[in-house]
C-alpha atoms as a PDB file:
ATOM      1  CA  UNK A   1     -74.395  50.362-190.091  1.00  0.00           C
ATOM      2  CA  UNK A   2     -75.020  47.500-192.600  1.00  0.00           C
ATOM      3  CA  UNK A   3     -76.349  45.182-189.889  1.00  0.00           C
ATOM      4  CA  UNK A   4     -79.381  47.839-189.045  1.00  0.00           C
ATOM      5  CA  UNK A   5     -80.010  48.114-192.427  1.00  0.00           C
ATOM      6  CA  UNK A   6     -80.325  44.000-193.029  1.00  0.00           C
ATOM      7  CA  UNK A   7     -82.513  43.888-189.614  1.00  0.00           C
ATOM      8  CA  UNK A   8     -84.751  46.990-191.474  1.00  0.00           C
ATOM      9  CA  UNK A   9     -85.442  44.717-194.477  1.00  0.00           C
ATOM     10  CA  UNK A  10     -86.166  41.767-192.747  1.00  0.00           C
ATOM     11  CA  UNK A  11     -88.532  43.125-190.422  1.00  0.00           C
ATOM     12  CA  UNK A  12     -90.095  44.900-193.798  1.00  0.00           C
ATOM     13  CA  UNK A  13     -90.522  41.582-195.269  1.00  0.00           C
ATOM     14  CA  UNK A  14     -91.411  39.670-192.327  1.00  0.00           C
ATOM     15  CA  UNK A  15     -94.534  42.270-191.735  1.00  0.00           C
ATOM     16  CA  UNK A  16     -95.685  42.375-195.543  1.00  0.00           C
ATOM     17  CA  UNK A  17     -95.689  38.624-195.520  1.00  0.00           C
ATOM     18  CA  UNK A  18     -97.674  38.334-192.291  1.00  0.00           C
ATOM     19  CA  UNK A  19    -100.380  40.778-193.164  1.00  0.00           C
ATOM     20  CA  UNK A  20    -101.078  39.352-196.714  1.00  0.00           C
ATOM     21  CA  UNK A  21    -100.945  35.778-194.357  1.00  0.00           C
ATOM     22  CA  UNK A  22    -103.380  37.185-191.716  1.00  0.00           C
ATOM     23  CA  UNK A  23    -105.508  38.977-194.438  1.00  0.00           C
ATOM     24  CA  UNK A  24    -105.700  35.775-196.125  1.00  0.00           C
ATOM     25  CA  UNK A  25    -104.080  37.187-199.403  1.00  0.00           C
ATOM     26  CA  UNK A  26    -102.002  34.364-198.888  1.00  0.00           C
ATOM     27  CA  UNK A  27    -104.420  30.873-198.295  1.00  0.00           C
ATOM     28  CA  UNK A  28    -103.017  28.015-196.546  1.00  0.00           C
ATOM     29  CA  UNK A  29    -100.957  25.786-198.078  1.00  0.00           C
ATOM     30  CA  UNK A  30     -99.660  28.582-200.614  1.00  0.00           C
ATOM     31  CA  UNK A  31     -96.241  27.200-201.385  1.00  0.00           C
ATOM     32  CA  UNK A  32     -93.638  30.495-200.642  1.00  0.00           C
ATOM     33  CA  UNK A  33     -90.330  30.488-202.816  1.00  0.00           C
ATOM     34  CA  UNK A  34     -87.649  32.314-202.123  1.00  0.00           C
ATOM     35  CA  UNK A  35     -86.535  33.906-205.697  1.00  0.00           C
ATOM     36  CA  UNK A  36     -89.986  35.395-206.634  1.00  0.00           C
ATOM     37  CA  UNK A  37     -90.084  36.800-202.693  1.00  0.00           C
ATOM     38  CA  UNK A  38     -86.580  38.207-203.287  1.00  0.00           C
ATOM     39  CA  UNK A  39     -87.217  39.494-206.351  1.00  0.00           C
ATOM     40  CA  UNK A  40     -90.253  41.325-205.723  1.00  0.00           C
ATOM     41  CA  UNK A  41     -88.673  42.821-202.412  1.00  0.00           C
ATOM     42  CA  UNK A  42     -85.555  43.422-204.334  1.00  0.00           C
ATOM     43  CA  UNK A  43     -83.178  41.800-201.917  1.00  0.00           C
ATOM     44  CA  UNK A  44     -81.238  38.979-201.332  1.00  0.00           C
ATOM     45  CA  UNK A  45     -82.321  35.387-200.983  1.00  0.00           C
ATOM     46  CA  UNK A  46     -80.553  34.824-197.795  1.00  0.00           C
ATOM     47  CA  UNK A  47     -82.444  38.156-196.144  1.00  0.00           C
ATOM     48  CA  UNK A  48     -85.840  36.432-197.617  1.00  0.00           C
ATOM     49  CA  UNK A  49     -84.513  33.070-196.411  1.00  0.00           C
ATOM     50  CA  UNK A  50     -83.781  34.615-192.757  1.00  0.00           C
ATOM     51  CA  UNK A  51     -87.499  36.548-193.299  1.00  0.00           C
ATOM     52  CA  UNK A  52     -89.159  32.961-193.909  1.00  0.00           C
ATOM     53  CA  UNK A  53     -87.402  31.411-190.830  1.00  0.00           C
ATOM     54  CA  UNK A  54     -88.993  34.348-188.862  1.00  0.00           C
ATOM     55  CA  UNK A  55     -92.500  33.873-190.231  1.00  0.00           C
ATOM     56  CA  UNK A  56     -91.882  30.128-189.150  1.00  0.00           C
ATOM     57  CA  UNK A  57     -91.286  31.362-185.541  1.00  0.00           C
ATOM     58  CA  UNK A  58     -94.488  32.593-185.370  1.00  0.00           C
ATOM     59  CA  UNK A  59     -96.510  29.993-186.510  1.00  0.00           C
ATOM     60  CA  UNK A  60     -97.633  31.589-189.660  1.00  0.00           C
ATOM     61  CA  UNK A  61     -95.248  29.084-192.184  1.00  0.00           C
ATOM     62  CA  UNK A  62     -94.079  25.529-192.025  1.00  0.00           C
ATOM     63  CA  UNK A  63     -91.161  24.349-194.142  1.00  0.00           C
ATOM     64  CA  UNK A  64     -91.204  20.770-195.408  1.00  0.00           C
ATOM     65  CA  UNK A  65     -88.226  19.315-196.190  1.00  0.00           C
ATOM     66  CA  UNK A  66     -87.097  19.512-200.226  1.00  0.00           C
ATOM     67  CA  UNK A  67     -90.830  20.598-200.646  1.00  0.00           C
ATOM     68  CA  UNK A  68     -90.588  24.136-199.693  1.00  0.00           C
ATOM     69  CA  UNK A  69     -92.075  26.531-197.239  1.00  0.00           C
ATOM     70  CA  UNK A  70     -95.690  26.809-197.289  1.00  0.00           C
ATOM     71  CA  UNK A  71     -98.691  29.112-195.585  1.00  0.00           C
ATOM     72  CA  UNK A  72    -100.133  27.152-192.454  1.00  0.00           C
ATOM     73  CA  UNK A  73    -103.500  27.264-191.717  1.00  0.00           C
ATOM     74  CA  UNK A  74    -104.323  29.566-188.857  1.00  0.00           C
ATOM     75  CA  UNK A  75    -107.071  29.126-186.288  1.00  0.00           C
ATOM     76  CA  UNK A  76    -110.040  31.910-186.257  1.00  0.00           C
ATOM     77  CA  UNK A  77    -108.838  33.662-183.767  1.00  0.00           C
ATOM     78  CA  UNK A  78    -105.318  34.157-185.352  1.00  0.00           C
ATOM     79  CA  UNK A  79    -106.960  35.005-188.817  1.00  0.00           C
ATOM     80  CA  UNK A  80    -108.990  38.207-186.950  1.00  0.00           C
END
């Protein structure tokens, strides 16, 4: 049961951040930091990191080692 609750939380964060990126609310190059996101959603930092990893796998963010996670530029087709 705990695992499914965790999965729902991760999915909710991924959906919310994906929507913000695709809508242009989070612009290309915007740095996403774990602690503020975790606080905004009321989730753990590890859940936040998992959500950011899922966004990276979808190509919406990229990780720059020792610098952070950044919103990637989207093609015109992706942003529609």
